[in-house]
Amino acid sequence: MHIYIILFFAIALEVLGTMLLPASQNFSKPLPTSILLASYGASFYFLALVSQKLPLAIIYASWAGLGVFSVAMLSYLFYKQTLNWQTIIGLFLIIIGVIIVNLYKTKL
């Protein structure tokens, strides 16, 4: 279970970096750009740690799915981007897919 905490932390850092992309204004703002780059770097470091314990397919499915879901939800909240009902259904299907992949992964 400890490895999943590290994976979720890696995902959170990647989401933070992605959310700061608009704030960096094409990397012209030093503070958001610095945090963005540090977040991505730390995220990949933690992702590398997790890759020693979990299959890469499981890691990437979780990383991509939860990252897309999180960025979409946070963009709705912070950047006032709209989500139609089809998008919302699709996002919840992504979450269901991530859950299924993790529940039925093969044991190492």
N, C-alpha and C. Protein backbone atom coordinates (compact mmCIF):
# COMPACT_ATOMS: atom_id res chain seq x y z
N MET A 1 0.82 -1.20 0.00
CA MET A 1 0.00 0.00 0.00
C MET A 1 0.86 1.26 0.00
N HIS A 2 2.02 1.19 0.61
CA HIS A 2 2.95 2.31 0.67
C HIS A 2 3.33 2.77 -0.73
N ILE A 3 3.47 1.84 -1.65
CA ILE A 3 3.87 2.18 -3.01
C ILE A 3 2.79 3.01 -3.71
N TYR A 4 1.53 2.75 -3.38
CA TYR A 4 0.44 3.53 -3.97
C TYR A 4 0.43 4.96 -3.45
N ILE A 5 0.87 5.18 -2.24
CA ILE A 5 0.97 6.55 -1.71
C ILE A 5 2.00 7.32 -2.52
N ILE A 6 3.12 6.68 -2.83
CA ILE A 6 4.15 7.32 -3.65
C ILE A 6 3.61 7.59 -5.05
N LEU A 7 2.86 6.63 -5.62
CA LEU A 7 2.28 6.82 -6.94
C LEU A 7 1.30 7.99 -6.94
N PHE A 8 0.43 8.07 -5.95
CA PHE A 8 -0.52 9.18 -5.88
C PHE A 8 0.20 10.51 -5.69
N PHE A 9 1.31 10.51 -4.94
CA PHE A 9 2.10 11.73 -4.77
C PHE A 9 2.71 12.14 -6.11
N ALA A 10 3.22 11.18 -6.88
CA ALA A 10 3.77 11.47 -8.20
C ALA A 10 2.69 12.06 -9.11
N ILE A 11 1.50 11.49 -9.07
CA ILE A 11 0.39 12.00 -9.88
C ILE A 11 0.03 13.42 -9.45
N ALA A 12 -0.03 13.65 -8.15
CA ALA A 12 -0.37 14.98 -7.64
C ALA A 12 0.65 16.02 -8.09
N LEU A 13 1.92 15.66 -8.08
CA LEU A 13 2.96 16.60 -8.52
C LEU A 13 2.85 16.88 -10.02
N GLU A 14 2.52 15.85 -10.79
CA GLU A 14 2.35 16.04 -12.23
C GLU A 14 1.15 16.94 -12.50
N VAL A 15 0.08 16.73 -11.77
CA VAL A 15 -1.12 17.57 -11.91
C VAL A 15 -0.80 19.01 -11.52
N LEU A 16 -0.06 19.21 -10.45
CA LEU A 16 0.34 20.56 -10.05
C LEU A 16 1.12 21.24 -11.17
N GLY A 17 2.08 20.54 -11.75
CA GLY A 17 2.85 21.11 -12.84
C GLY A 17 1.97 21.47 -14.03
N THR A 18 1.06 20.59 -14.37
CA THR A 18 0.16 20.84 -15.49
C THR A 18 -0.75 22.03 -15.22
N MET A 19 -1.25 22.13 -14.01
CA MET A 19 -2.13 23.25 -13.67
C MET A 19 -1.40 24.59 -13.69
N LEU A 20 -0.09 24.57 -13.52
CA LEU A 20 0.69 25.80 -13.54
C LEU A 20 1.11 26.23 -14.95
N LEU A 21 0.85 25.39 -15.95
CA LEU A 21 1.22 25.77 -17.32
C LEU A 21 0.61 27.11 -17.74
N PRO A 22 -0.70 27.33 -17.56
CA PRO A 22 -1.24 28.65 -17.94
C PRO A 22 -0.65 29.79 -17.11
N ALA A 23 -0.41 29.54 -15.83
CA ALA A 23 0.12 30.59 -14.95
C ALA A 23 1.56 30.96 -15.31
N SER A 24 2.29 30.05 -15.93
CA SER A 24 3.67 30.35 -16.31
C SER A 24 3.76 31.28 -17.51
N GLN A 25 2.64 31.45 -18.22
CA GLN A 25 2.57 32.32 -19.40
C GLN A 25 3.75 32.07 -20.35
N ASN A 26 3.76 30.84 -20.88
CA ASN A 26 4.82 30.41 -21.82
C ASN A 26 6.21 30.50 -21.19
N PHE A 27 6.29 30.13 -19.93
CA PHE A 27 7.54 30.11 -19.17
C PHE A 27 8.15 31.49 -18.99
N SER A 28 7.35 32.53 -19.06
CA SER A 28 7.86 33.89 -18.88
C SER A 28 7.77 34.37 -17.43
N LYS A 29 7.00 33.67 -16.60
CA LYS A 29 6.86 34.03 -15.19
C LYS A 29 7.75 33.10 -14.37
N PRO A 30 8.78 33.65 -13.70
CA PRO A 30 9.76 32.80 -13.02
C PRO A 30 9.20 31.89 -11.92
N LEU A 31 8.34 32.40 -11.06
CA LEU A 31 7.88 31.59 -9.93
C LEU A 31 7.02 30.40 -10.38
N PRO A 32 5.95 30.61 -11.16
CA PRO A 32 5.17 29.45 -11.58
C PRO A 32 5.99 28.49 -12.45
N THR A 33 6.90 29.03 -13.26
CA THR A 33 7.73 28.18 -14.10
C THR A 33 8.65 27.32 -13.25
N SER A 34 9.23 27.90 -12.22
CA SER A 34 10.13 27.14 -11.33
C SER A 34 9.38 26.02 -10.60
N ILE A 35 8.21 26.35 -10.09
CA ILE A 35 7.41 25.34 -9.39
C ILE A 35 6.96 24.25 -10.36
N LEU A 36 6.57 24.66 -11.55
CA LEU A 36 6.14 23.72 -12.59
C LEU A 36 7.26 22.74 -12.90
N LEU A 37 8.45 23.24 -13.17
CA LEU A 37 9.58 22.36 -13.52
C LEU A 37 9.99 21.46 -12.35
N ALA A 38 9.99 22.01 -11.15
CA ALA A 38 10.32 21.20 -9.97
C ALA A 38 9.28 20.12 -9.75
N SER A 39 8.02 20.45 -9.97
CA SER A 39 6.93 19.48 -9.80
C SER A 39 7.07 18.33 -10.78
N TYR A 40 7.30 18.67 -12.05
CA TYR A 40 7.48 17.61 -13.06
C TYR A 40 8.70 16.75 -12.74
N GLY A 41 9.80 17.39 -12.36
CA GLY A 41 11.02 16.63 -12.03
C GLY A 41 10.81 15.68 -10.86
N ALA A 42 10.21 16.18 -9.79
CA ALA A 42 9.95 15.34 -8.61
C ALA A 42 8.93 14.25 -8.95
N SER A 43 7.97 14.58 -9.78
CA SER A 43 6.97 13.60 -10.18
C SER A 43 7.63 12.43 -10.89
N PHE A 44 8.50 12.72 -11.83
CA PHE A 44 9.18 11.64 -12.56
C PHE A 44 10.12 10.85 -11.66
N TYR A 45 10.72 11.51 -10.68
CA TYR A 45 11.56 10.79 -9.72
C TYR A 45 10.72 9.76 -8.95
N PHE A 46 9.57 10.19 -8.43
CA PHE A 46 8.71 9.28 -7.68
C PHE A 46 8.13 8.20 -8.60
N LEU A 47 7.87 8.56 -9.83
CA LEU A 47 7.39 7.57 -10.80
C LEU A 47 8.45 6.50 -11.03
N ALA A 48 9.71 6.90 -11.09
CA ALA A 48 10.80 5.94 -11.25
C ALA A 48 10.90 5.01 -10.05
N LEU A 49 10.68 5.55 -8.86
CA LEU A 49 10.70 4.70 -7.66
C LEU A 49 9.59 3.65 -7.71
N VAL A 50 8.41 4.09 -8.11
CA VAL A 50 7.27 3.18 -8.17
C VAL A 50 7.48 2.11 -9.22
N SER A 51 8.19 2.45 -10.30
CA SER A 51 8.38 1.48 -11.39
C SER A 51 9.22 0.27 -10.98
N GLN A 52 9.85 0.36 -9.82
CA GLN A 52 10.61 -0.79 -9.31
C GLN A 52 9.71 -1.79 -8.60
N LYS A 53 8.49 -1.39 -8.27
CA LYS A 53 7.60 -2.24 -7.47
C LYS A 53 6.31 -2.66 -8.15
N LEU A 54 5.86 -1.88 -9.13
CA LEU A 54 4.60 -2.17 -9.82
C LEU A 54 4.86 -2.31 -11.32
N PRO A 55 4.02 -3.07 -12.01
CA PRO A 55 4.15 -3.17 -13.47
C PRO A 55 3.92 -1.81 -14.12
N LEU A 56 4.68 -1.54 -15.16
CA LEU A 56 4.61 -0.25 -15.84
C LEU A 56 3.22 0.02 -16.41
N ALA A 57 2.55 -1.01 -16.90
CA ALA A 57 1.20 -0.81 -17.45
C ALA A 57 0.24 -0.31 -16.38
N ILE A 58 0.35 -0.84 -15.17
CA ILE A 58 -0.51 -0.41 -14.07
C ILE A 58 -0.17 1.02 -13.68
N ILE A 59 1.11 1.31 -13.59
CA ILE A 59 1.55 2.66 -13.22
C ILE A 59 1.04 3.67 -14.23
N TYR A 60 1.24 3.37 -15.51
CA TYR A 60 0.88 4.35 -16.52
C TYR A 60 -0.62 4.53 -16.65
N ALA A 61 -1.37 3.45 -16.51
CA ALA A 61 -2.84 3.56 -16.56
C ALA A 61 -3.32 4.45 -15.42
N SER A 62 -2.77 4.26 -14.24
CA SER A 62 -3.16 5.07 -13.08
C SER A 62 -2.72 6.51 -13.26
N TRP A 63 -1.49 6.68 -13.69
CA TRP A 63 -0.90 8.01 -13.89
C TRP A 63 -1.72 8.81 -14.90
N ALA A 64 -1.95 8.21 -16.05
CA ALA A 64 -2.66 8.92 -17.12
C ALA A 64 -4.13 9.16 -16.74
N GLY A 65 -4.79 8.12 -16.27
CA GLY A 65 -6.22 8.23 -15.96
C GLY A 65 -6.50 9.22 -14.84
N LEU A 66 -5.81 9.07 -13.73
CA LEU A 66 -6.05 9.98 -12.61
C LEU A 66 -5.56 11.39 -12.91
N GLY A 67 -4.50 11.49 -13.71
CA GLY A 67 -4.01 12.80 -14.11
C GLY A 67 -5.01 13.54 -14.97
N VAL A 68 -5.57 12.85 -15.97
CA VAL A 68 -6.56 13.47 -16.84
C VAL A 68 -7.79 13.89 -16.04
N PHE A 69 -8.27 12.99 -15.19
CA PHE A 69 -9.45 13.28 -14.37
C PHE A 69 -9.19 14.49 -13.47
N SER A 70 -8.06 14.50 -12.80
CA SER A 70 -7.74 15.58 -11.86
C SER A 70 -7.58 16.92 -12.56
N VAL A 71 -6.87 16.93 -13.68
CA VAL A 71 -6.68 18.19 -14.41
C VAL A 71 -8.02 18.71 -14.92
N ALA A 72 -8.87 17.83 -15.41
CA ALA A 72 -10.19 18.27 -15.90
C ALA A 72 -11.01 18.88 -14.76
N MET A 73 -11.03 18.22 -13.61
CA MET A 73 -11.81 18.73 -12.48
C MET A 73 -11.23 20.05 -11.95
N LEU A 74 -9.93 20.11 -11.82
CA LEU A 74 -9.30 21.34 -11.31
C LEU A 74 -9.41 22.49 -12.30
N SER A 75 -9.35 22.18 -13.59
CA SER A 75 -9.53 23.22 -14.61
C SER A 75 -10.94 23.78 -14.55
N TYR A 76 -11.89 22.92 -14.27
CA TYR A 76 -13.28 23.38 -14.10
C TYR A 76 -13.38 24.33 -12.90
N LEU A 77 -12.73 23.95 -11.79
CA LEU A 77 -12.82 24.76 -10.57
C LEU A 77 -12.02 26.06 -10.65
N PHE A 78 -10.78 25.97 -11.11
CA PHE A 78 -9.89 27.13 -11.04
C PHE A 78 -9.89 27.99 -12.30
N TYR A 79 -10.04 27.38 -13.46
CA TYR A 79 -9.99 28.13 -14.71
C TYR A 79 -11.36 28.30 -15.35
N LYS A 80 -12.40 27.85 -14.65
CA LYS A 80 -13.79 28.00 -15.10
C LYS A 80 -14.03 27.41 -16.50
N GLN A 81 -13.32 26.31 -16.80
CA GLN A 81 -13.54 25.64 -18.07
C GLN A 81 -14.79 24.76 -17.96
N THR A 82 -15.55 24.72 -19.02
CA THR A 82 -16.82 23.99 -18.97
C THR A 82 -16.62 22.51 -19.25
N LEU A 83 -17.49 21.71 -18.65
CA LEU A 83 -17.52 20.27 -18.88
C LEU A 83 -18.96 19.90 -19.23
N ASN A 84 -19.19 19.37 -20.43
CA ASN A 84 -20.54 18.93 -20.77
C ASN A 84 -20.78 17.54 -20.18
N TRP A 85 -22.00 17.08 -20.26
CA TRP A 85 -22.35 15.81 -19.61
C TRP A 85 -21.61 14.63 -20.23
N GLN A 86 -21.31 14.70 -21.53
CA GLN A 86 -20.57 13.61 -22.17
C GLN A 86 -19.15 13.52 -21.63
N THR A 87 -18.54 14.68 -21.41
CA THR A 87 -17.19 14.72 -20.85
C THR A 87 -17.18 14.17 -19.43
N ILE A 88 -18.16 14.54 -18.65
CA ILE A 88 -18.24 14.07 -17.26
C ILE A 88 -18.39 12.55 -17.23
N ILE A 89 -19.25 12.01 -18.07
CA ILE A 89 -19.41 10.55 -18.14
C ILE A 89 -18.09 9.90 -18.54
N GLY A 90 -17.41 10.47 -19.55
CA GLY A 90 -16.13 9.94 -19.97
C GLY A 90 -15.09 9.96 -18.87
N LEU A 91 -15.06 11.04 -18.09
CA LEU A 91 -14.10 11.13 -16.99
C LEU A 91 -14.38 10.08 -15.93
N PHE A 92 -15.64 9.85 -15.63
CA PHE A 92 -15.95 8.81 -14.64
C PHE A 92 -15.67 7.41 -15.18
N LEU A 93 -15.80 7.21 -16.47
CA LEU A 93 -15.41 5.93 -17.07
C LEU A 93 -13.90 5.71 -16.96
N ILE A 94 -13.13 6.79 -17.08
CA ILE A 94 -11.68 6.68 -16.88
C ILE A 94 -11.39 6.21 -15.47
N ILE A 95 -12.06 6.79 -14.48
CA ILE A 95 -11.84 6.39 -13.08
C ILE A 95 -12.22 4.93 -12.88
N ILE A 96 -13.34 4.51 -13.45
CA ILE A 96 -13.75 3.10 -13.35
C ILE A 96 -12.68 2.20 -13.97
N GLY A 97 -12.15 2.61 -15.12
CA GLY A 97 -11.09 1.84 -15.77
C GLY A 97 -9.85 1.73 -14.91
N VAL A 98 -9.44 2.83 -14.29
CA VAL A 98 -8.26 2.80 -13.41
C VAL A 98 -8.50 1.86 -12.23
N ILE A 99 -9.68 1.89 -11.67
CA ILE A 99 -10.01 1.02 -10.54
C ILE A 99 -9.96 -0.45 -10.98
N ILE A 100 -10.55 -0.75 -12.12
CA ILE A 100 -10.56 -2.14 -12.60
C ILE A 100 -9.14 -2.62 -12.87
N VAL A 101 -8.33 -1.80 -13.52
CA VAL A 101 -6.95 -2.20 -13.82
C VAL A 101 -6.18 -2.49 -12.53
N ASN A 102 -6.39 -1.68 -11.51
CA ASN A 102 -5.67 -1.89 -10.25
C ASN A 102 -6.23 -3.05 -9.44
N LEU A 103 -7.52 -3.30 -9.50
CA LEU A 103 -8.09 -4.41 -8.76
C LEU A 103 -7.68 -5.77 -9.31
N TYR A 104 -7.54 -5.83 -10.63
CA TYR A 104 -7.27 -7.12 -11.28
C TYR A 104 -5.89 -7.24 -11.84
N LYS A 105 -4.94 -6.49 -11.27
CA LYS A 105 -3.56 -6.60 -11.72
C LYS A 105 -3.00 -7.94 -11.25
N THR A 106 -2.01 -8.42 -11.97
CA THR A 106 -1.38 -9.67 -11.57
C THR A 106 -0.42 -9.40 -10.42
N LYS A 107 -0.30 -10.36 -9.55
CA LYS A 107 0.62 -10.22 -8.41
C LYS A 107 2.04 -10.35 -8.89
N LEU A 108 2.93 -9.59 -8.27
CA LEU A 108 4.36 -9.67 -8.63
C LEU A 108 5.03 -10.82 -7.92
